Amino acid sequence: MHIAIAGNIGSGKSTLTKLLAKHYGWEPRFEAVDHNPYLEDYYRDIHRWSFNLEVYFLKERFRDLIAISQTDHTIIQDRTIFEGVYVFMENNRAMGNLSDRDYQTYMELFEQMMSVVRLPDLMIYLRASVPYLVGNIQQRGRDYEQSMQLEYLQNLNERYDDFIYHKYKGRVMTVEKDQLDFINRPKDLAQVIDRIDATLFGLFS
């Protein structure tokens, strides 16, 4: 089984992935954010490095999907290939950071990839406001994230909603994140676990 955690930068995807992996005994799979050779360059010069960054992410996420499809146990994944395409790539295109030629090449590559993979069994969407995201980003203190503009995060939020509610064809469970604290309030995590049990296994507390 393949479970995916979706959500904007700073929404708490990695935290929830770790907690659910521990609770259910699932194998967590995380993005290689700290080892991405383009990420710091991207935040310094988005226009120059957008295509490089997006193709790198696409390659990494496709590799993850192939590996997940070959496992015989449940994987819980922090962010998916679909968000990379329908949120981040589309946002970069709208900002004028990719040419039509680059976009066409990227989308043709993505469509070929999709012919050999399937959708996750469940996508959990962590929906959060921009102030919440900013607070989390500041707290974790990654240098390359500190210069992100509010407008950029808001644009991503809008594209996440459009992706989840209008483009994605798989099963989704939306979690409104602003009022939840999975680390310090166990009951908040328990509520999400109850919803997952009901959705995947037909179990109710």
N, C-alpha and C. Protein backbone atom coordinates (compact mmCIF):
# COMPACT_ATOMS: atom_id res chain seq x y z
N MET A 1 0.85 -1.19 0.00
CA MET A 1 0.00 0.00 0.00
C MET A 1 0.89 1.25 0.00
N HIS A 2 0.39 2.28 -0.65
CA HIS A 2 1.14 3.53 -0.80
C HIS A 2 0.31 4.68 -0.23
N ILE A 3 0.82 5.31 0.83
CA ILE A 3 0.17 6.46 1.45
C ILE A 3 1.05 7.67 1.19
N ALA A 4 0.44 8.78 0.80
CA ALA A 4 1.21 9.99 0.49
C ALA A 4 0.76 11.13 1.40
N ILE A 5 1.71 11.96 1.81
CA ILE A 5 1.42 13.16 2.58
C ILE A 5 1.71 14.36 1.68
N ALA A 6 0.68 15.17 1.42
CA ALA A 6 0.81 16.35 0.55
C ALA A 6 0.62 17.61 1.37
N GLY A 7 1.26 18.69 0.94
CA GLY A 7 1.08 19.96 1.63
C GLY A 7 2.18 20.93 1.31
N ASN A 8 1.91 22.19 1.52
CA ASN A 8 2.84 23.26 1.20
C ASN A 8 4.10 23.19 2.06
N ILE A 9 5.08 23.98 1.70
CA ILE A 9 6.32 24.10 2.47
C ILE A 9 5.98 24.57 3.89
N GLY A 10 6.40 23.80 4.90
CA GLY A 10 6.14 24.17 6.28
C GLY A 10 4.82 23.69 6.84
N SER A 11 4.10 22.84 6.12
CA SER A 11 2.79 22.38 6.60
C SER A 11 2.90 21.23 7.60
N GLY A 12 4.07 20.63 7.72
CA GLY A 12 4.26 19.55 8.69
C GLY A 12 4.23 18.16 8.08
N LYS A 13 4.53 18.05 6.80
CA LYS A 13 4.49 16.75 6.12
C LYS A 13 5.47 15.75 6.74
N SER A 14 6.71 16.18 6.93
CA SER A 14 7.73 15.26 7.44
C SER A 14 7.40 14.78 8.85
N THR A 15 6.90 15.70 9.67
CA THR A 15 6.51 15.32 11.04
C THR A 15 5.42 14.27 11.03
N LEU A 16 4.37 14.50 10.24
CA LEU A 16 3.27 13.53 10.21
C LEU A 16 3.72 12.21 9.59
N THR A 17 4.56 12.28 8.59
CA THR A 17 5.08 11.05 7.99
C THR A 17 5.79 10.20 9.03
N LYS A 18 6.65 10.82 9.83
CA LYS A 18 7.38 10.08 10.86
C LYS A 18 6.44 9.48 11.91
N LEU A 19 5.46 10.27 12.34
CA LEU A 19 4.55 9.81 13.38
C LEU A 19 3.67 8.66 12.90
N LEU A 20 3.17 8.76 11.69
CA LEU A 20 2.32 7.69 11.16
C LEU A 20 3.14 6.43 10.86
N ALA A 21 4.36 6.62 10.39
CA ALA A 21 5.22 5.46 10.15
C ALA A 21 5.47 4.70 11.46
N LYS A 22 5.70 5.44 12.52
CA LYS A 22 5.92 4.81 13.82
C LYS A 22 4.66 4.12 14.33
N HIS A 23 3.51 4.78 14.18
CA HIS A 23 2.25 4.22 14.69
C HIS A 23 1.86 2.94 13.96
N TYR A 24 1.93 2.96 12.65
CA TYR A 24 1.44 1.82 11.86
C TYR A 24 2.53 0.81 11.51
N GLY A 25 3.79 1.16 11.72
CA GLY A 25 4.87 0.29 11.30
C GLY A 25 5.13 0.37 9.80
N TRP A 26 4.75 1.50 9.20
CA TRP A 26 4.98 1.71 7.77
C TRP A 26 6.39 2.19 7.52
N GLU A 27 6.89 2.01 6.32
CA GLU A 27 8.21 2.52 5.97
C GLU A 27 8.08 3.96 5.46
N PRO A 28 8.78 4.91 6.10
CA PRO A 28 8.72 6.30 5.62
C PRO A 28 9.68 6.53 4.45
N ARG A 29 9.25 7.39 3.54
CA ARG A 29 10.12 7.77 2.43
C ARG A 29 10.08 9.29 2.30
N PHE A 30 11.24 9.92 2.40
CA PHE A 30 11.32 11.38 2.42
C PHE A 30 12.01 11.91 1.18
N GLU A 31 11.67 13.16 0.84
CA GLU A 31 12.39 13.84 -0.22
C GLU A 31 13.82 14.13 0.22
N ALA A 32 14.74 14.08 -0.73
CA ALA A 32 16.14 14.38 -0.43
C ALA A 32 16.38 15.88 -0.51
N VAL A 33 15.72 16.64 0.35
CA VAL A 33 15.80 18.10 0.30
C VAL A 33 17.20 18.60 0.60
N ASP A 34 17.82 18.06 1.63
CA ASP A 34 19.11 18.57 2.07
C ASP A 34 20.24 18.22 1.10
N HIS A 35 19.99 17.31 0.17
CA HIS A 35 21.05 16.88 -0.75
C HIS A 35 20.74 17.28 -2.20
N ASN A 36 19.72 18.08 -2.40
CA ASN A 36 19.36 18.51 -3.75
C ASN A 36 20.41 19.49 -4.26
N PRO A 37 21.09 19.19 -5.36
CA PRO A 37 22.20 20.05 -5.81
C PRO A 37 21.75 21.38 -6.42
N TYR A 38 20.44 21.56 -6.62
CA TYR A 38 19.94 22.78 -7.25
C TYR A 38 19.19 23.71 -6.29
N LEU A 39 18.85 23.25 -5.10
CA LEU A 39 17.88 23.97 -4.27
C LEU A 39 18.39 25.34 -3.83
N GLU A 40 19.59 25.43 -3.34
CA GLU A 40 20.10 26.73 -2.90
C GLU A 40 20.23 27.70 -4.08
N ASP A 41 20.69 27.20 -5.21
CA ASP A 41 20.78 28.05 -6.40
C ASP A 41 19.40 28.54 -6.81
N TYR A 42 18.42 27.66 -6.70
CA TYR A 42 17.05 28.01 -7.08
C TYR A 42 16.53 29.18 -6.26
N TYR A 43 16.72 29.14 -4.96
CA TYR A 43 16.19 30.21 -4.11
C TYR A 43 16.97 31.52 -4.30
N ARG A 44 18.20 31.43 -4.80
CA ARG A 44 18.97 32.64 -5.10
C ARG A 44 18.57 33.25 -6.44
N ASP A 45 18.22 32.39 -7.40
CA ASP A 45 17.89 32.86 -8.76
C ASP A 45 16.86 31.91 -9.35
N ILE A 46 15.59 32.13 -8.99
CA ILE A 46 14.52 31.22 -9.36
C ILE A 46 14.39 31.09 -10.88
N HIS A 47 14.47 32.21 -11.58
CA HIS A 47 14.28 32.18 -13.04
C HIS A 47 15.34 31.31 -13.72
N ARG A 48 16.56 31.45 -13.29
CA ARG A 48 17.65 30.71 -13.93
C ARG A 48 17.57 29.20 -13.67
N TRP A 49 17.19 28.81 -12.46
CA TRP A 49 17.34 27.42 -12.05
C TRP A 49 16.03 26.63 -11.97
N SER A 50 14.92 27.21 -12.36
CA SER A 50 13.62 26.53 -12.22
C SER A 50 13.56 25.22 -12.99
N PHE A 51 13.92 25.24 -14.26
CA PHE A 51 13.81 24.02 -15.07
C PHE A 51 14.72 22.93 -14.53
N ASN A 52 15.94 23.29 -14.16
CA ASN A 52 16.87 22.30 -13.60
C ASN A 52 16.31 21.67 -12.34
N LEU A 53 15.79 22.52 -11.45
CA LEU A 53 15.25 22.02 -10.20
C LEU A 53 14.07 21.09 -10.44
N GLU A 54 13.15 21.49 -11.31
CA GLU A 54 11.94 20.71 -11.54
C GLU A 54 12.25 19.36 -12.19
N VAL A 55 13.17 19.34 -13.11
CA VAL A 55 13.54 18.06 -13.74
C VAL A 55 14.23 17.15 -12.73
N TYR A 56 15.06 17.73 -11.86
CA TYR A 56 15.71 16.92 -10.83
C TYR A 56 14.67 16.29 -9.90
N PHE A 57 13.72 17.10 -9.44
CA PHE A 57 12.66 16.58 -8.57
C PHE A 57 11.84 15.52 -9.28
N LEU A 58 11.52 15.75 -10.54
CA LEU A 58 10.74 14.78 -11.30
C LEU A 58 11.47 13.45 -11.38
N LYS A 59 12.75 13.49 -11.66
CA LYS A 59 13.55 12.27 -11.72
C LYS A 59 13.57 11.53 -10.40
N GLU A 60 13.78 12.28 -9.30
CA GLU A 60 13.83 11.66 -7.97
C GLU A 60 12.49 11.06 -7.58
N ARG A 61 11.41 11.79 -7.85
CA ARG A 61 10.07 11.30 -7.45
C ARG A 61 9.64 10.11 -8.29
N PHE A 62 10.01 10.09 -9.55
CA PHE A 62 9.70 8.93 -10.38
C PHE A 62 10.47 7.71 -9.90
N ARG A 63 11.72 7.90 -9.54
CA ARG A 63 12.50 6.79 -9.00
C ARG A 63 11.85 6.24 -7.72
N ASP A 64 11.35 7.15 -6.88
CA ASP A 64 10.66 6.72 -5.67
C ASP A 64 9.41 5.90 -6.01
N LEU A 65 8.64 6.36 -6.99
CA LEU A 65 7.42 5.64 -7.36
C LEU A 65 7.73 4.24 -7.86
N ILE A 66 8.77 4.10 -8.66
CA ILE A 66 9.16 2.78 -9.14
C ILE A 66 9.53 1.88 -7.97
N ALA A 67 10.31 2.41 -7.04
CA ALA A 67 10.72 1.63 -5.87
C ALA A 67 9.51 1.23 -5.02
N ILE A 68 8.58 2.17 -4.83
CA ILE A 68 7.39 1.89 -4.04
C ILE A 68 6.56 0.79 -4.69
N SER A 69 6.44 0.84 -6.00
CA SER A 69 5.63 -0.16 -6.71
C SER A 69 6.21 -1.56 -6.60
N GLN A 70 7.48 -1.66 -6.26
CA GLN A 70 8.15 -2.96 -6.19
C GLN A 70 8.23 -3.51 -4.77
N THR A 71 7.70 -2.79 -3.79
CA THR A 71 7.76 -3.26 -2.40
C THR A 71 6.54 -4.12 -2.07
N ASP A 72 6.69 -4.94 -1.04
CA ASP A 72 5.58 -5.79 -0.60
C ASP A 72 5.03 -5.35 0.75
N HIS A 73 5.32 -4.10 1.14
CA HIS A 73 4.82 -3.57 2.40
C HIS A 73 4.39 -2.12 2.18
N THR A 74 3.80 -1.52 3.21
CA THR A 74 3.23 -0.18 3.06
C THR A 74 4.32 0.89 3.18
N ILE A 75 4.29 1.83 2.24
CA ILE A 75 5.18 2.98 2.23
C ILE A 75 4.36 4.23 2.49
N ILE A 76 4.85 5.10 3.36
CA ILE A 76 4.24 6.42 3.53
C ILE A 76 5.24 7.45 3.02
N GLN A 77 4.81 8.26 2.06
CA GLN A 77 5.71 9.14 1.31
C GLN A 77 5.46 10.60 1.63
N ASP A 78 6.54 11.32 1.89
CA ASP A 78 6.50 12.77 2.13
C ASP A 78 6.60 13.49 0.79
N ARG A 79 5.47 13.98 0.29
CA ARG A 79 5.31 14.68 -1.00
C ARG A 79 5.44 13.71 -2.18
N THR A 80 4.70 14.01 -3.25
CA THR A 80 4.61 13.11 -4.39
C THR A 80 5.02 13.80 -5.69
N ILE A 81 5.14 12.99 -6.71
CA ILE A 81 5.44 13.49 -8.04
C ILE A 81 4.34 14.40 -8.57
N PHE A 82 3.09 14.16 -8.13
CA PHE A 82 1.96 14.92 -8.65
C PHE A 82 1.99 16.38 -8.18
N GLU A 83 2.41 16.59 -6.95
CA GLU A 83 2.55 17.96 -6.45
C GLU A 83 3.66 18.70 -7.19
N GLY A 84 4.74 17.98 -7.45
CA GLY A 84 5.83 18.59 -8.18
C GLY A 84 5.39 19.13 -9.53
N VAL A 85 4.48 18.40 -10.16
CA VAL A 85 4.00 18.80 -11.48
C VAL A 85 2.92 19.87 -11.39
N TYR A 86 1.86 19.57 -10.63
CA TYR A 86 0.66 20.41 -10.66
C TYR A 86 0.69 21.60 -9.71
N VAL A 87 1.66 21.62 -8.80
CA VAL A 87 1.79 22.75 -7.89
C VAL A 87 3.06 23.55 -8.21
N PHE A 88 4.21 22.95 -8.00
CA PHE A 88 5.46 23.70 -8.11
C PHE A 88 5.84 24.03 -9.55
N MET A 89 5.69 23.05 -10.43
CA MET A 89 6.00 23.33 -11.83
C MET A 89 5.03 24.36 -12.42
N GLU A 90 3.75 24.18 -12.14
CA GLU A 90 2.76 25.12 -12.67
C GLU A 90 2.96 26.52 -12.10
N ASN A 91 3.36 26.59 -10.84
CA ASN A 91 3.60 27.89 -10.23
C ASN A 91 4.81 28.58 -10.87
N ASN A 92 5.85 27.83 -11.10
CA ASN A 92 7.02 28.40 -11.76
C ASN A 92 6.69 28.86 -13.17
N ARG A 93 5.88 28.11 -13.86
CA ARG A 93 5.48 28.51 -15.21
C ARG A 93 4.67 29.81 -15.16
N ALA A 94 3.72 29.89 -14.22
CA ALA A 94 2.89 31.09 -14.10
C ALA A 94 3.72 32.32 -13.75
N MET A 95 4.81 32.12 -13.02
CA MET A 95 5.68 33.22 -12.64
C MET A 95 6.62 33.64 -13.77
N GLY A 96 6.56 32.94 -14.90
CA GLY A 96 7.41 33.27 -16.02
C GLY A 96 8.81 32.71 -15.92
N ASN A 97 8.98 31.68 -15.07
CA ASN A 97 10.31 31.13 -14.84
C ASN A 97 10.67 29.99 -15.78
N LEU A 98 9.71 29.55 -16.61
CA LEU A 98 9.99 28.48 -17.56
C LEU A 98 9.45 28.87 -18.93
N SER A 99 10.21 28.56 -19.95
CA SER A 99 9.75 28.83 -21.31
C SER A 99 8.72 27.79 -21.71
N ASP A 100 7.96 28.10 -22.75
CA ASP A 100 6.99 27.13 -23.27
C ASP A 100 7.69 25.86 -23.73
N ARG A 101 8.87 26.00 -24.30
CA ARG A 101 9.64 24.83 -24.76
C ARG A 101 10.02 23.93 -23.59
N ASP A 102 10.52 24.52 -22.51
CA ASP A 102 10.89 23.73 -21.33
C ASP A 102 9.66 23.07 -20.72
N TYR A 103 8.57 23.80 -20.64
CA TYR A 103 7.34 23.26 -20.06
C TYR A 103 6.84 22.06 -20.88
N GLN A 104 6.84 22.20 -22.18
CA GLN A 104 6.37 21.11 -23.04
C GLN A 104 7.23 19.87 -22.89
N THR A 105 8.54 20.07 -22.84
CA THR A 105 9.45 18.94 -22.65
C THR A 105 9.19 18.25 -21.33
N TYR A 106 9.04 19.05 -20.28
CA TYR A 106 8.79 18.50 -18.94
C TYR A 106 7.50 17.71 -18.90
N MET A 107 6.41 18.26 -19.44
CA MET A 107 5.11 17.59 -19.37
C MET A 107 5.08 16.31 -20.20
N GLU A 108 5.77 16.30 -21.33
CA GLU A 108 5.84 15.08 -22.12
C GLU A 108 6.58 13.98 -21.35
N LEU A 109 7.62 14.37 -20.66
CA LEU A 109 8.36 13.41 -19.84
C LEU A 109 7.49 12.87 -18.72
N PHE A 110 6.77 13.76 -18.04
CA PHE A 110 5.88 13.35 -16.96
C PHE A 110 4.79 12.39 -17.46
N GLU A 111 4.17 12.71 -18.58
CA GLU A 111 3.11 11.86 -19.11
C GLU A 111 3.62 10.47 -19.46
N GLN A 112 4.83 10.37 -19.96
CA GLN A 112 5.41 9.05 -20.23
C GLN A 112 5.63 8.28 -18.94
N MET A 113 6.07 8.99 -17.90
CA MET A 113 6.27 8.34 -16.61
C MET A 113 4.97 7.79 -16.05
N MET A 114 3.89 8.55 -16.21
CA MET A 114 2.61 8.15 -15.64
C MET A 114 2.02 6.90 -16.28
N SER A 115 2.53 6.52 -17.43
CA SER A 115 2.02 5.32 -18.09
C SER A 115 2.46 4.03 -17.40
N VAL A 116 3.42 4.14 -16.48
CA VAL A 116 3.93 2.93 -15.83
C VAL A 116 3.76 2.94 -14.31
N VAL A 117 3.05 3.92 -13.76
CA VAL A 117 2.84 3.97 -12.31
C VAL A 117 1.35 4.17 -12.02
N ARG A 118 0.97 3.97 -10.73
CA ARG A 118 -0.42 4.17 -10.34
C ARG A 118 -0.51 5.17 -9.20
N LEU A 119 -1.71 5.64 -8.93
CA LEU A 119 -1.93 6.63 -7.88
C LEU A 119 -1.75 6.00 -6.50
N PRO A 120 -1.39 6.81 -5.49
CA PRO A 120 -1.35 6.30 -4.11
C PRO A 120 -2.72 5.80 -3.67
N ASP A 121 -2.72 4.89 -2.70
CA ASP A 121 -3.99 4.39 -2.16
C ASP A 121 -4.71 5.48 -1.37
N LEU A 122 -3.96 6.39 -0.77
CA LEU A 122 -4.55 7.51 -0.05
C LEU A 122 -3.56 8.66 -0.03
N MET A 123 -4.05 9.86 -0.33
CA MET A 123 -3.25 11.07 -0.19
C MET A 123 -3.83 11.91 0.95
N ILE A 124 -3.02 12.21 1.94
CA ILE A 124 -3.42 13.05 3.07
C ILE A 124 -2.92 14.46 2.80
N TYR A 125 -3.85 15.39 2.65
CA TYR A 125 -3.51 16.77 2.30
C TYR A 125 -3.53 17.64 3.55
N LEU A 126 -2.36 18.15 3.94
CA LEU A 126 -2.24 19.05 5.08
C LEU A 126 -2.46 20.48 4.57
N ARG A 127 -3.63 21.02 4.86
CA ARG A 127 -4.01 22.34 4.37
C ARG A 127 -3.74 23.37 5.47
N ALA A 128 -2.91 24.38 5.15
CA ALA A 128 -2.49 25.34 6.17
C ALA A 128 -2.47 26.75 5.62
N SER A 129 -2.70 27.74 6.49
CA SER A 129 -2.67 29.14 6.08
C SER A 129 -1.23 29.61 5.95
N VAL A 130 -1.04 30.72 5.25
CA VAL A 130 0.30 31.27 5.08
C VAL A 130 0.94 31.65 6.41
N PRO A 131 0.24 32.31 7.35
CA PRO A 131 0.89 32.60 8.65
C PRO A 131 1.38 31.35 9.36
N TYR A 132 0.61 30.27 9.28
CA TYR A 132 1.04 29.01 9.90
C TYR A 132 2.32 28.50 9.23
N LEU A 133 2.33 28.53 7.91
CA LEU A 133 3.50 28.06 7.17
C LEU A 133 4.74 28.87 7.52
N VAL A 134 4.58 30.20 7.58
CA VAL A 134 5.72 31.08 7.89
C VAL A 134 6.28 30.76 9.27
N GLY A 135 5.39 30.55 10.23
CA GLY A 135 5.84 30.21 11.58
C GLY A 135 6.66 28.94 11.61
N ASN A 136 6.23 27.92 10.89
CA ASN A 136 6.97 26.66 10.85
C ASN A 136 8.30 26.81 10.13
N ILE A 137 8.30 27.55 9.03
CA ILE A 137 9.52 27.75 8.27
C ILE A 137 10.57 28.48 9.10
N GLN A 138 10.14 29.50 9.83
CA GLN A 138 11.07 30.24 10.67
C GLN A 138 11.60 29.37 11.81
N GLN A 139 10.73 28.54 12.34
CA GLN A 139 11.13 27.71 13.48
C GLN A 139 12.17 26.67 13.09
N ARG A 140 12.05 26.09 11.92
CA ARG A 140 13.01 25.04 11.56
C ARG A 140 14.32 25.60 11.02
N GLY A 141 14.32 26.85 10.59
CA GLY A 141 15.57 27.58 10.37
C GLY A 141 16.45 27.15 9.22
N ARG A 142 15.88 26.63 8.16
CA ARG A 142 16.71 26.32 6.99
C ARG A 142 17.06 27.63 6.28
N ASP A 143 18.34 27.87 6.09
CA ASP A 143 18.78 29.17 5.57
C ASP A 143 18.16 29.49 4.22
N TYR A 144 18.11 28.51 3.32
CA TYR A 144 17.64 28.78 1.96
C TYR A 144 16.13 29.04 1.90
N GLU A 145 15.39 28.75 2.99
CA GLU A 145 13.95 29.00 3.00
C GLU A 145 13.58 30.37 3.58
N GLN A 146 14.51 31.01 4.26
CA GLN A 146 14.16 32.21 5.01
C GLN A 146 13.83 33.41 4.12
N SER A 147 14.24 33.39 2.86
CA SER A 147 13.97 34.51 1.97
C SER A 147 12.70 34.34 1.15
N MET A 148 11.98 33.27 1.38
CA MET A 148 10.74 33.05 0.62
C MET A 148 9.72 34.14 0.91
N GLN A 149 9.06 34.64 -0.12
CA GLN A 149 8.09 35.70 0.02
C GLN A 149 6.71 35.14 0.32
N LEU A 150 5.90 35.96 1.01
CA LEU A 150 4.54 35.54 1.35
C LEU A 150 3.72 35.26 0.10
N GLU A 151 3.93 36.06 -0.93
CA GLU A 151 3.17 35.86 -2.16
C GLU A 151 3.47 34.50 -2.78
N TYR A 152 4.71 34.07 -2.68
CA TYR A 152 5.10 32.76 -3.21
C TYR A 152 4.35 31.65 -2.48
N LEU A 153 4.31 31.71 -1.15
CA LEU A 153 3.60 30.70 -0.37
C LEU A 153 2.10 30.73 -0.65
N GLN A 154 1.54 31.93 -0.80
CA GLN A 154 0.11 32.04 -1.10
C GLN A 154 -0.21 31.45 -2.46
N ASN A 155 0.63 31.71 -3.45
CA ASN A 155 0.43 31.13 -4.78
C ASN A 155 0.47 29.60 -4.72
N LEU A 156 1.41 29.07 -3.95
CA LEU A 156 1.48 27.62 -3.81
C LEU A 156 0.23 27.08 -3.13
N ASN A 157 -0.26 27.77 -2.10
CA ASN A 157 -1.48 27.34 -1.43
C ASN A 157 -2.65 27.25 -2.41
N GLU A 158 -2.80 28.27 -3.24
CA GLU A 158 -3.89 28.28 -4.22
C GLU A 158 -3.76 27.14 -5.21
N ARG A 159 -2.54 26.84 -5.62
CA ARG A 159 -2.33 25.75 -6.57
C ARG A 159 -2.52 24.39 -5.90
N TYR A 160 -2.19 24.29 -4.63
CA TYR A 160 -2.48 23.04 -3.91
C TYR A 160 -3.98 22.77 -3.88
N ASP A 161 -4.77 23.78 -3.55
CA ASP A 161 -6.21 23.60 -3.51
C ASP A 161 -6.75 23.21 -4.89
N ASP A 162 -6.26 23.87 -5.92
CA ASP A 162 -6.71 23.56 -7.27
C ASP A 162 -6.32 22.13 -7.65
N PHE A 163 -5.11 21.74 -7.31
CA PHE A 163 -4.65 20.39 -7.60
C PHE A 163 -5.50 19.34 -6.88
N ILE A 164 -5.67 19.52 -5.58
CA ILE A 164 -6.38 18.52 -4.78
C ILE A 164 -7.85 18.42 -5.17
N TYR A 165 -8.50 19.55 -5.35
CA TYR A 165 -9.95 19.54 -5.51
C TYR A 165 -10.42 19.51 -6.96
N HIS A 166 -9.51 19.76 -7.92
CA HIS A 166 -9.96 19.81 -9.31
C HIS A 166 -9.16 18.92 -10.27
N LYS A 167 -7.95 18.54 -9.92
CA LYS A 167 -7.12 17.81 -10.87
C LYS A 167 -6.77 16.39 -10.45
N TYR A 168 -6.58 16.18 -9.16
CA TYR A 168 -6.15 14.87 -8.70
C TYR A 168 -7.32 13.89 -8.71
N LYS A 169 -7.08 12.69 -9.23
CA LYS A 169 -8.14 11.71 -9.42
C LYS A 169 -8.18 10.63 -8.32
N GLY A 170 -7.23 10.65 -7.42
CA GLY A 170 -7.16 9.62 -6.40
C GLY A 170 -7.94 9.97 -5.14
N ARG A 171 -7.85 9.11 -4.15
CA ARG A 171 -8.55 9.29 -2.88
C ARG A 171 -7.77 10.25 -1.98
N VAL A 172 -8.46 11.27 -1.45
CA VAL A 172 -7.82 12.32 -0.65
C VAL A 172 -8.52 12.47 0.70
N MET A 173 -7.73 12.69 1.73
CA MET A 173 -8.23 13.05 3.05
C MET A 173 -7.60 14.39 3.42
N THR A 174 -8.42 15.45 3.54
CA THR A 174 -7.91 16.77 3.86
C THR A 174 -7.86 16.97 5.37
N VAL A 175 -6.73 17.47 5.86
CA VAL A 175 -6.55 17.78 7.28
C VAL A 175 -6.26 19.27 7.39
N GLU A 176 -7.15 20.02 8.06
CA GLU A 176 -6.93 21.44 8.28
C GLU A 176 -5.91 21.58 9.41
N LYS A 177 -4.75 22.10 9.10
CA LYS A 177 -3.59 21.95 9.98
C LYS A 177 -3.41 23.07 11.00
N ASP A 178 -3.95 24.25 10.78
CA ASP A 178 -3.61 25.40 11.61
C ASP A 178 -3.81 25.18 13.10
N GLN A 179 -4.85 24.48 13.49
CA GLN A 179 -5.18 24.31 14.90
C GLN A 179 -4.68 22.98 15.48
N LEU A 180 -3.89 22.25 14.72
CA LEU A 180 -3.42 20.94 15.16
C LEU A 180 -1.94 20.98 15.53
N ASP A 181 -1.59 20.24 16.57
CA ASP A 181 -0.20 20.12 17.01
C ASP A 181 0.06 18.64 17.31
N PHE A 182 0.59 17.93 16.32
CA PHE A 182 0.76 16.49 16.45
C PHE A 182 1.82 16.11 17.47
N ILE A 183 2.78 17.01 17.71
CA ILE A 183 3.87 16.71 18.63
C ILE A 183 3.45 16.87 20.08
N ASN A 184 2.80 17.97 20.39
CA ASN A 184 2.51 18.31 21.78
C ASN A 184 1.10 17.96 22.24
N ARG A 185 0.22 17.62 21.30
CA ARG A 185 -1.15 17.24 21.68
C ARG A 185 -1.49 15.89 21.04
N PRO A 186 -1.26 14.80 21.77
CA PRO A 186 -1.50 13.46 21.22
C PRO A 186 -2.92 13.26 20.69
N LYS A 187 -3.90 13.95 21.26
CA LYS A 187 -5.28 13.77 20.79
C LYS A 187 -5.45 14.27 19.36
N ASP A 188 -4.65 15.27 18.96
CA ASP A 188 -4.72 15.76 17.58
C ASP A 188 -4.27 14.67 16.60
N LEU A 189 -3.18 14.01 16.94
CA LEU A 189 -2.71 12.91 16.11
C LEU A 189 -3.70 11.76 16.11
N ALA A 190 -4.28 11.48 17.28
CA ALA A 190 -5.25 10.38 17.38
C ALA A 190 -6.46 10.61 16.48
N GLN A 191 -6.89 11.86 16.34
CA GLN A 191 -8.01 12.17 15.47
C GLN A 191 -7.69 11.84 14.01
N VAL A 192 -6.50 12.17 13.59
CA VAL A 192 -6.09 11.87 12.22
C VAL A 192 -5.98 10.36 12.02
N ILE A 193 -5.42 9.67 12.99
CA ILE A 193 -5.30 8.20 12.90
C ILE A 193 -6.68 7.56 12.80
N ASP A 194 -7.64 8.05 13.57
CA ASP A 194 -9.00 7.52 13.49
C ASP A 194 -9.58 7.69 12.08
N ARG A 195 -9.32 8.85 11.48
CA ARG A 195 -9.83 9.10 10.13
C ARG A 195 -9.15 8.18 9.11
N ILE A 196 -7.86 7.96 9.28
CA ILE A 196 -7.15 7.05 8.38
C ILE A 196 -7.69 5.63 8.51
N ASP A 197 -7.89 5.19 9.75
CA ASP A 197 -8.44 3.85 9.98
C ASP A 197 -9.80 3.69 9.30
N ALA A 198 -10.63 4.73 9.43
CA ALA A 198 -11.97 4.67 8.82
C ALA A 198 -11.87 4.64 7.31
N THR A 199 -10.97 5.40 6.76
CA THR A 199 -10.85 5.51 5.30
C THR A 199 -10.25 4.25 4.68
N LEU A 200 -9.19 3.74 5.29
CA LEU A 200 -8.47 2.60 4.71
C LEU A 200 -9.03 1.26 5.12
N PHE A 201 -9.47 1.16 6.37
CA PHE A 201 -9.82 -0.15 6.92
C PHE A 201 -11.27 -0.27 7.36
N GLY A 202 -12.02 0.82 7.26
CA GLY A 202 -13.42 0.80 7.69
C GLY A 202 -13.57 0.68 9.18
N LEU A 203 -12.58 1.18 9.94
CA LEU A 203 -12.60 1.08 11.40
C LEU A 203 -12.99 2.42 12.01
N PHE A 204 -13.75 2.38 13.08
CA PHE A 204 -14.15 3.60 13.79
C PHE A 204 -13.84 3.42 15.26
N SER A 205 -13.40 4.49 15.90
CA SER A 205 -13.11 4.43 17.33
C SER A 205 -14.39 4.55 18.13
